[in-house]
N, C-alpha and C. Protein backbone atom coordinates (compact mmCIF):
# COMPACT_ATOMS: atom_id res chain seq x y z
N SER A 1 -51.26 -265.48 -110.65
CA SER A 1 -51.21 -266.99 -110.54
C SER A 1 -49.50 -267.64 -111.12
N ASP A 2 -49.24 -268.80 -110.48
CA ASP A 2 -47.51 -269.27 -110.16
C ASP A 2 -47.65 -270.17 -111.45
N GLU A 3 -48.12 -269.93 -111.98
CA GLU A 3 -48.35 -271.42 -113.33
C GLU A 3 -47.53 -270.59 -114.42
N GLY A 4 -46.30 -271.29 -114.93
CA GLY A 4 -44.95 -270.83 -115.43
C GLY A 4 -45.83 -271.14 -117.46
N LEU A 5 -44.81 -270.77 -117.90
CA LEU A 5 -45.18 -270.45 -119.41
C LEU A 5 -43.87 -271.14 -120.15
N TYR A 6 -44.03 -272.99 -120.70
CA TYR A 6 -43.08 -273.02 -121.02
C TYR A 6 -43.00 -273.83 -122.55
N VAL A 7 -41.84 -274.05 -123.14
CA VAL A 7 -41.07 -274.32 -124.17
C VAL A 7 -40.61 -275.73 -123.92
N VAL A 8 -40.20 -276.71 -125.03
CA VAL A 8 -39.49 -277.41 -125.06
C VAL A 8 -37.92 -276.73 -126.20
N ALA A 9 -36.92 -276.32 -125.63
CA ALA A 9 -36.05 -275.63 -125.82
C ALA A 9 -34.30 -276.03 -125.57
N SER A 10 -33.69 -275.95 -125.94
CA SER A 10 -32.12 -275.84 -125.64
C SER A 10 -32.22 -274.77 -124.92
N MET A 11 -31.62 -274.43 -124.04
CA MET A 11 -31.16 -273.30 -123.56
C MET A 11 -30.44 -272.06 -124.34
N ASP A 12 -29.32 -273.01 -124.33
CA ASP A 12 -28.29 -272.22 -125.22
C ASP A 12 -28.82 -271.89 -126.43
N LYS A 13 -29.35 -272.68 -127.53
CA LYS A 13 -29.68 -272.81 -128.19
C LYS A 13 -31.10 -271.65 -128.85
N LEU A 14 -31.91 -271.31 -127.78
CA LEU A 14 -32.61 -269.83 -127.69
C LEU A 14 -31.92 -269.13 -126.84
N LYS A 15 -30.98 -268.90 -126.03
CA LYS A 15 -30.21 -267.89 -126.35
C LYS A 15 -29.78 -266.73 -126.90
N GLN A 16 -29.26 -268.20 -128.22
CA GLN A 16 -28.40 -267.71 -128.89
C GLN A 16 -28.92 -267.34 -130.17
N VAL A 17 -30.51 -267.52 -130.31
CA VAL A 17 -31.46 -266.64 -131.02
C VAL A 17 -31.59 -266.11 -130.72
N LEU A 18 -32.23 -265.08 -129.36
CA LEU A 18 -32.05 -264.22 -128.89
C LEU A 18 -31.07 -263.21 -128.92
N LEU A 19 -29.78 -263.41 -128.80
CA LEU A 19 -28.52 -262.64 -129.03
C LEU A 19 -28.26 -262.16 -130.05
N ASN A 20 -28.66 -263.05 -131.49
CA ASN A 20 -28.18 -262.98 -132.49
C ASN A 20 -29.37 -261.33 -133.10
N PHE A 21 -30.69 -261.68 -132.32
CA PHE A 21 -31.41 -261.23 -132.42
C PHE A 21 -31.36 -259.51 -132.32
N ILE A 22 -30.75 -259.64 -130.89
CA ILE A 22 -30.36 -258.29 -130.34
C ILE A 22 -28.64 -257.74 -130.80
N ILE A 23 -27.92 -258.62 -131.41
CA ILE A 23 -26.84 -257.93 -132.10
C ILE A 23 -27.36 -257.79 -133.28
N ASN A 24 -28.16 -257.65 -133.63
CA ASN A 24 -28.29 -257.18 -135.03
C ASN A 24 -29.34 -256.10 -135.08
N SER A 25 -29.77 -255.64 -133.39
CA SER A 25 -30.31 -254.41 -132.82
C SER A 25 -29.20 -253.53 -132.85
N LEU A 26 -28.80 -253.99 -132.00
CA LEU A 26 -27.57 -253.01 -131.45
C LEU A 26 -26.30 -252.78 -132.70
N GLU A 27 -26.01 -253.37 -133.64
CA GLU A 27 -25.37 -252.53 -134.73
C GLU A 27 -26.38 -251.61 -135.88
N SER A 28 -27.64 -252.31 -135.78
CA SER A 28 -28.89 -251.52 -136.73
C SER A 28 -28.57 -250.20 -136.37
N ILE A 29 -28.79 -250.03 -135.06
CA ILE A 29 -28.40 -248.51 -133.84
C ILE A 29 -27.65 -247.80 -134.43
N ALA A 30 -26.51 -248.79 -134.00
CA ALA A 30 -25.06 -247.91 -134.71
C ALA A 30 -25.02 -247.49 -135.64
N ASN A 31 -25.43 -248.24 -136.67
CA ASN A 31 -25.06 -247.25 -137.80
C ASN A 31 -26.23 -246.23 -137.88
N LYS A 32 -27.16 -246.42 -137.18
CA LYS A 32 -28.16 -245.25 -137.43
C LYS A 32 -27.13 -243.94 -136.60
N CYS A 33 -26.92 -243.90 -135.41
CA CYS A 33 -26.09 -243.11 -135.18
C CYS A 33 -25.30 -242.54 -135.72
N GLU A 34 -24.32 -243.13 -136.78
CA GLU A 34 -23.30 -242.63 -137.36
C GLU A 34 -24.23 -241.88 -139.07
N GLU A 35 -24.83 -242.20 -138.52
CA GLU A 35 -25.64 -241.21 -140.11
C GLU A 35 -27.21 -240.38 -139.74
N SER A 36 -26.94 -240.03 -138.00
CA SER A 36 -28.55 -239.32 -137.75
C SER A 36 -27.65 -238.21 -136.88
N SER A 37 -28.48 -237.28 -137.10
CA SER A 37 -28.53 -235.47 -136.19
C SER A 37 -28.39 -236.70 -134.60
N SER A 38 -28.33 -234.87 -133.67
CA SER A 38 -28.35 -235.78 -132.29
C SER A 38 -29.29 -236.13 -131.88
N GLU A 39 -30.46 -235.54 -132.82
CA GLU A 39 -31.96 -235.78 -132.14
C GLU A 39 -32.70 -237.48 -132.05
N TYR A 40 -31.31 -238.25 -132.39
CA TYR A 40 -31.86 -239.59 -132.46
C TYR A 40 -31.63 -240.49 -131.42
N SER A 41 -32.86 -240.47 -130.75
CA SER A 41 -32.82 -241.73 -129.80
C SER A 41 -32.94 -242.79 -130.18
N PRO A 42 -32.04 -243.77 -129.27
CA PRO A 42 -31.80 -245.24 -129.81
C PRO A 42 -32.87 -246.25 -128.81
N ILE A 43 -33.72 -247.16 -129.63
CA ILE A 43 -34.55 -247.49 -128.48
C ILE A 43 -34.65 -248.95 -129.15
N ILE A 44 -34.44 -250.45 -127.83
CA ILE A 44 -34.48 -251.71 -128.71
C ILE A 44 -35.64 -252.41 -127.69
N ARG A 45 -36.52 -253.09 -127.88
CA ARG A 45 -37.36 -253.38 -127.14
C ARG A 45 -37.29 -254.74 -127.63
N VAL A 46 -37.59 -255.44 -126.35
CA VAL A 46 -37.67 -256.87 -126.26
C VAL A 46 -39.23 -257.53 -125.27
N CYS A 47 -40.19 -257.89 -126.24
CA CYS A 47 -41.32 -258.02 -125.93
C CYS A 47 -41.80 -259.75 -125.87
N ALA A 48 -42.31 -260.33 -124.66
CA ALA A 48 -42.77 -261.71 -124.67
C ALA A 48 -44.13 -261.79 -124.04
N LYS A 49 -44.60 -262.25 -125.23
CA LYS A 49 -46.08 -262.64 -124.74
C LYS A 49 -47.09 -263.45 -125.48
N THR A 50 -48.09 -264.24 -124.50
CA THR A 50 -48.61 -265.05 -124.72
C THR A 50 -49.63 -264.98 -126.73
N MET A 51 -49.86 -266.11 -127.46
CA MET A 51 -50.48 -265.62 -128.58
C MET A 51 -50.92 -267.10 -128.50
N GLY A 52 -52.13 -267.64 -128.11
CA GLY A 52 -52.94 -268.71 -128.29
C GLY A 52 -51.81 -269.69 -127.68
N LYS A 53 -51.40 -270.75 -128.74
CA LYS A 53 -50.71 -271.82 -127.98
C LYS A 53 -49.46 -271.59 -127.98
N PHE A 54 -48.85 -270.56 -128.22
CA PHE A 54 -47.48 -270.29 -128.49
C PHE A 54 -46.95 -268.96 -127.52
N ILE A 55 -45.83 -269.08 -127.18
CA ILE A 55 -45.47 -267.65 -126.83
C ILE A 55 -44.18 -267.22 -127.77
N SER A 56 -44.78 -265.94 -127.89
CA SER A 56 -43.88 -264.62 -129.20
C SER A 56 -43.04 -264.07 -128.37
N VAL A 57 -41.92 -263.80 -128.82
CA VAL A 57 -40.61 -263.16 -128.66
C VAL A 57 -39.98 -262.12 -129.74
N SER A 58 -40.51 -260.77 -129.20
CA SER A 58 -39.46 -260.34 -130.64
C SER A 58 -38.80 -259.19 -129.68
N VAL A 59 -37.87 -258.59 -130.62
CA VAL A 59 -36.68 -257.84 -130.48
C VAL A 59 -36.97 -256.39 -131.94
N TRP A 60 -37.13 -255.16 -131.15
CA TRP A 60 -37.66 -254.67 -132.35
C TRP A 60 -37.01 -253.20 -131.82
N ASP A 61 -36.20 -252.67 -132.83
CA ASP A 61 -35.51 -251.52 -132.80
C ASP A 61 -35.70 -250.27 -133.64
N ASN A 62 -35.40 -249.16 -133.29
CA ASN A 62 -35.57 -248.18 -134.06
C ASN A 62 -34.19 -247.58 -134.86
N GLY A 63 -33.47 -248.80 -135.43
CA GLY A 63 -32.26 -248.38 -136.27
C GLY A 63 -32.47 -248.26 -137.65
N VAL A 64 -31.51 -248.95 -138.79
CA VAL A 64 -31.46 -248.23 -139.93
C VAL A 64 -32.97 -248.91 -140.67
N GLY A 65 -33.74 -249.78 -139.75
CA GLY A 65 -34.60 -250.53 -140.59
C GLY A 65 -34.31 -251.12 -141.29
N MET A 66 -35.56 -252.25 -142.21
CA MET A 66 -35.44 -253.28 -142.91
C MET A 66 -36.00 -252.64 -144.45
N GLU A 67 -35.88 -252.58 -145.79
CA GLU A 67 -36.10 -252.98 -147.02
C GLU A 67 -37.36 -254.29 -146.95
N GLU A 68 -38.52 -254.13 -147.83
CA GLU A 68 -38.97 -255.28 -148.08
C GLU A 68 -38.27 -256.93 -148.58
N GLU A 69 -37.46 -256.44 -149.14
CA GLU A 69 -36.66 -257.75 -150.12
C GLU A 69 -35.73 -258.06 -148.62
N GLN A 70 -35.21 -257.27 -147.51
CA GLN A 70 -34.59 -258.19 -146.55
C GLN A 70 -35.69 -259.04 -145.68
N MET A 71 -36.91 -258.37 -145.68
CA MET A 71 -37.90 -259.25 -144.65
C MET A 71 -37.84 -260.80 -145.24
N GLY A 72 -37.85 -261.07 -146.60
CA GLY A 72 -37.73 -261.89 -147.19
C GLY A 72 -36.41 -262.79 -147.04
N ALA A 73 -35.49 -262.17 -147.34
CA ALA A 73 -34.09 -262.49 -146.79
C ALA A 73 -33.49 -263.53 -146.19
N CYS A 74 -33.71 -262.73 -145.32
CA CYS A 74 -32.74 -262.69 -143.97
C CYS A 74 -32.70 -263.87 -143.25
N PHE A 75 -33.87 -264.27 -143.71
CA PHE A 75 -33.39 -265.98 -142.55
C PHE A 75 -32.15 -267.19 -144.05
N ARG A 76 -32.16 -266.42 -145.27
CA ARG A 76 -31.34 -268.04 -145.80
C ARG A 76 -29.81 -267.91 -146.01
N PRO A 77 -29.57 -268.54 -145.80
CA PRO A 77 -28.16 -268.89 -145.61
C PRO A 77 -27.02 -267.91 -146.36
N PHE A 78 -25.99 -267.52 -146.24
CA PHE A 78 -25.61 -266.79 -146.38
C PHE A 78 -25.83 -264.94 -147.29
N TYR A 79 -26.99 -264.97 -146.42
CA TYR A 79 -27.59 -263.65 -147.34
C TYR A 79 -27.33 -262.47 -145.85
N SER A 80 -26.17 -261.45 -146.23
CA SER A 80 -26.22 -260.45 -145.30
C SER A 80 -25.89 -258.96 -145.41
N THR A 81 -26.41 -258.28 -145.18
CA THR A 81 -26.15 -256.74 -145.77
C THR A 81 -25.23 -256.17 -144.95
N LYS A 82 -24.78 -256.87 -143.90
CA LYS A 82 -23.04 -256.02 -143.28
C LYS A 82 -21.86 -256.48 -144.29
N PRO A 83 -21.36 -255.82 -144.54
CA PRO A 83 -19.52 -255.69 -144.65
C PRO A 83 -19.08 -257.08 -144.61
N ALA A 84 -19.02 -257.42 -143.41
CA ALA A 84 -18.31 -258.33 -142.85
C ALA A 84 -18.97 -259.15 -141.87
N GLY A 85 -20.45 -259.40 -142.59
CA GLY A 85 -21.22 -260.00 -142.38
C GLY A 85 -21.33 -261.46 -142.86
N THR A 86 -21.46 -263.08 -142.10
CA THR A 86 -21.50 -264.27 -142.73
C THR A 86 -23.04 -264.25 -143.16
N GLY A 87 -23.97 -263.61 -142.74
CA GLY A 87 -25.60 -264.61 -143.48
C GLY A 87 -25.60 -265.82 -142.84
N LEU A 88 -24.81 -266.24 -142.06
CA LEU A 88 -25.44 -267.45 -140.84
C LEU A 88 -26.20 -266.96 -139.61
N GLY A 89 -26.33 -265.88 -138.91
CA GLY A 89 -26.75 -265.66 -137.59
C GLY A 89 -28.10 -266.10 -137.85
N LEU A 90 -28.91 -265.30 -138.68
CA LEU A 90 -30.20 -265.85 -138.62
C LEU A 90 -30.81 -266.89 -139.15
N SER A 91 -30.13 -267.15 -140.06
CA SER A 91 -30.37 -268.46 -141.25
C SER A 91 -30.65 -269.51 -140.12
N VAL A 92 -29.58 -269.76 -139.08
CA VAL A 92 -28.73 -270.65 -138.37
C VAL A 92 -30.57 -270.74 -137.24
N SER A 93 -30.70 -269.36 -136.64
CA SER A 93 -31.56 -269.16 -135.72
C SER A 93 -32.98 -270.12 -136.47
N ALA A 94 -33.05 -269.43 -137.70
CA ALA A 94 -34.80 -270.15 -138.40
C ALA A 94 -34.81 -271.21 -138.17
N GLN A 95 -33.46 -272.24 -138.72
CA GLN A 95 -33.74 -273.13 -138.91
C GLN A 95 -34.05 -273.81 -137.29
N TYR A 96 -33.42 -273.69 -136.16
CA TYR A 96 -33.68 -273.75 -135.10
C TYR A 96 -35.19 -274.06 -134.81
N ILE A 97 -35.14 -272.62 -134.88
CA ILE A 97 -36.79 -272.84 -134.22
C ILE A 97 -37.45 -273.41 -135.19
N HIS A 98 -37.35 -273.52 -136.78
CA HIS A 98 -38.16 -274.65 -137.37
C HIS A 98 -38.22 -275.76 -136.46
N GLU A 99 -36.90 -276.77 -136.24
CA GLU A 99 -36.63 -278.04 -135.89
C GLU A 99 -37.52 -277.90 -134.53
N ILE A 100 -38.18 -276.80 -133.74
CA ILE A 100 -38.96 -277.16 -132.31
C ILE A 100 -40.04 -276.81 -132.36
N GLY A 101 -40.55 -276.53 -133.92
CA GLY A 101 -41.91 -276.32 -134.27
C GLY A 101 -42.27 -274.80 -134.22
N GLY A 102 -41.62 -274.14 -134.26
CA GLY A 102 -41.95 -272.75 -134.28
C GLY A 102 -41.50 -271.63 -135.24
N THR A 103 -42.38 -270.19 -135.24
CA THR A 103 -41.63 -269.68 -136.58
C THR A 103 -41.02 -268.58 -136.22
N ILE A 104 -41.02 -267.70 -137.40
CA ILE A 104 -40.05 -267.01 -137.03
C ILE A 104 -40.08 -265.91 -137.99
N ARG A 105 -40.08 -264.34 -137.85
CA ARG A 105 -40.55 -263.19 -138.97
C ARG A 105 -39.54 -262.49 -138.41
N ALA A 106 -39.74 -261.47 -139.67
CA ALA A 106 -39.18 -260.31 -139.88
C ALA A 106 -40.19 -259.29 -140.13
N ASP A 107 -40.18 -257.88 -139.90
CA ASP A 107 -40.81 -256.77 -140.22
C ASP A 107 -40.35 -255.81 -139.98
N GLY A 108 -40.38 -254.68 -140.99
CA GLY A 108 -39.84 -253.51 -140.34
C GLY A 108 -40.32 -252.39 -141.70
N LYS A 109 -39.58 -250.82 -141.47
CA LYS A 109 -39.51 -250.47 -142.71
C LYS A 109 -38.42 -249.24 -142.74
N ALA A 110 -37.76 -249.63 -144.12
CA ALA A 110 -36.26 -248.81 -144.21
C ALA A 110 -36.66 -247.27 -143.35
N GLY A 111 -35.03 -247.53 -142.95
CA GLY A 111 -35.01 -245.98 -142.41
C GLY A 111 -35.44 -245.52 -140.83
N GLU A 112 -36.60 -246.81 -140.48
CA GLU A 112 -37.54 -245.98 -138.97
C GLU A 112 -37.62 -247.84 -138.08
N TYR A 113 -37.68 -248.79 -138.49
CA TYR A 113 -37.72 -249.82 -137.76
C TYR A 113 -36.98 -251.38 -138.13
N ALA A 114 -37.19 -252.43 -137.14
CA ALA A 114 -36.34 -253.65 -137.55
C ALA A 114 -37.18 -254.61 -135.83
N ASN A 115 -38.36 -255.42 -136.62
CA ASN A 115 -38.41 -256.61 -136.05
C ASN A 115 -38.69 -257.96 -135.96
N LEU A 116 -38.17 -258.47 -134.91
CA LEU A 116 -37.67 -259.55 -135.68
C LEU A 116 -38.31 -260.38 -134.37
N THR A 117 -39.35 -262.05 -134.93
CA THR A 117 -40.01 -262.48 -134.29
C THR A 117 -40.41 -263.88 -133.65
N VAL A 118 -40.05 -264.63 -132.73
CA VAL A 118 -40.20 -266.12 -132.89
C VAL A 118 -41.38 -266.33 -132.06
N PHE A 119 -41.85 -267.42 -132.44
CA PHE A 119 -43.48 -268.09 -132.38
C PHE A 119 -43.01 -269.57 -131.64
N LEU A 120 -42.65 -269.55 -130.38
CA LEU A 120 -42.63 -270.75 -129.91
C LEU A 120 -43.82 -271.56 -129.37
N PRO A 121 -44.00 -272.95 -129.53
CA PRO A 121 -45.22 -273.92 -129.38
C PRO A 121 -45.33 -273.88 -127.49
N MET A 122 -46.08 -273.63 -126.78
CA MET A 122 -46.12 -274.03 -125.24
C MET A 122 -46.54 -275.50 -125.07
N VAL A 123 -46.57 -276.09 -123.96
CA VAL A 123 -45.93 -277.47 -123.28
C VAL A 123 -47.31 -277.26 -122.25
């Protein structure tokens, strides 16, 4: 079918949200490369799919992963695990996603993976 999937969103802001997700994945993978053996194979997966009346877009990586406390805190302003991080990238992303009626979620496992997902309402 040529029928498209549409959301009402600022292209620039949505691009920034996804860019924030991908930058976090790249940094996580770089950190794991520094601490891992040569056996490590970095992976980033970007996946979009429909879920009811929403489109979900997720960015998954097998970098340093996320602790359980990080999953709950990563969208709070000024929360960062990075030495030079401002803690604003994901909090601004979450604020924008909520403004357009969507939700945002983080999950993962320390040392194994992280997955950031947005759920955007379709029109």
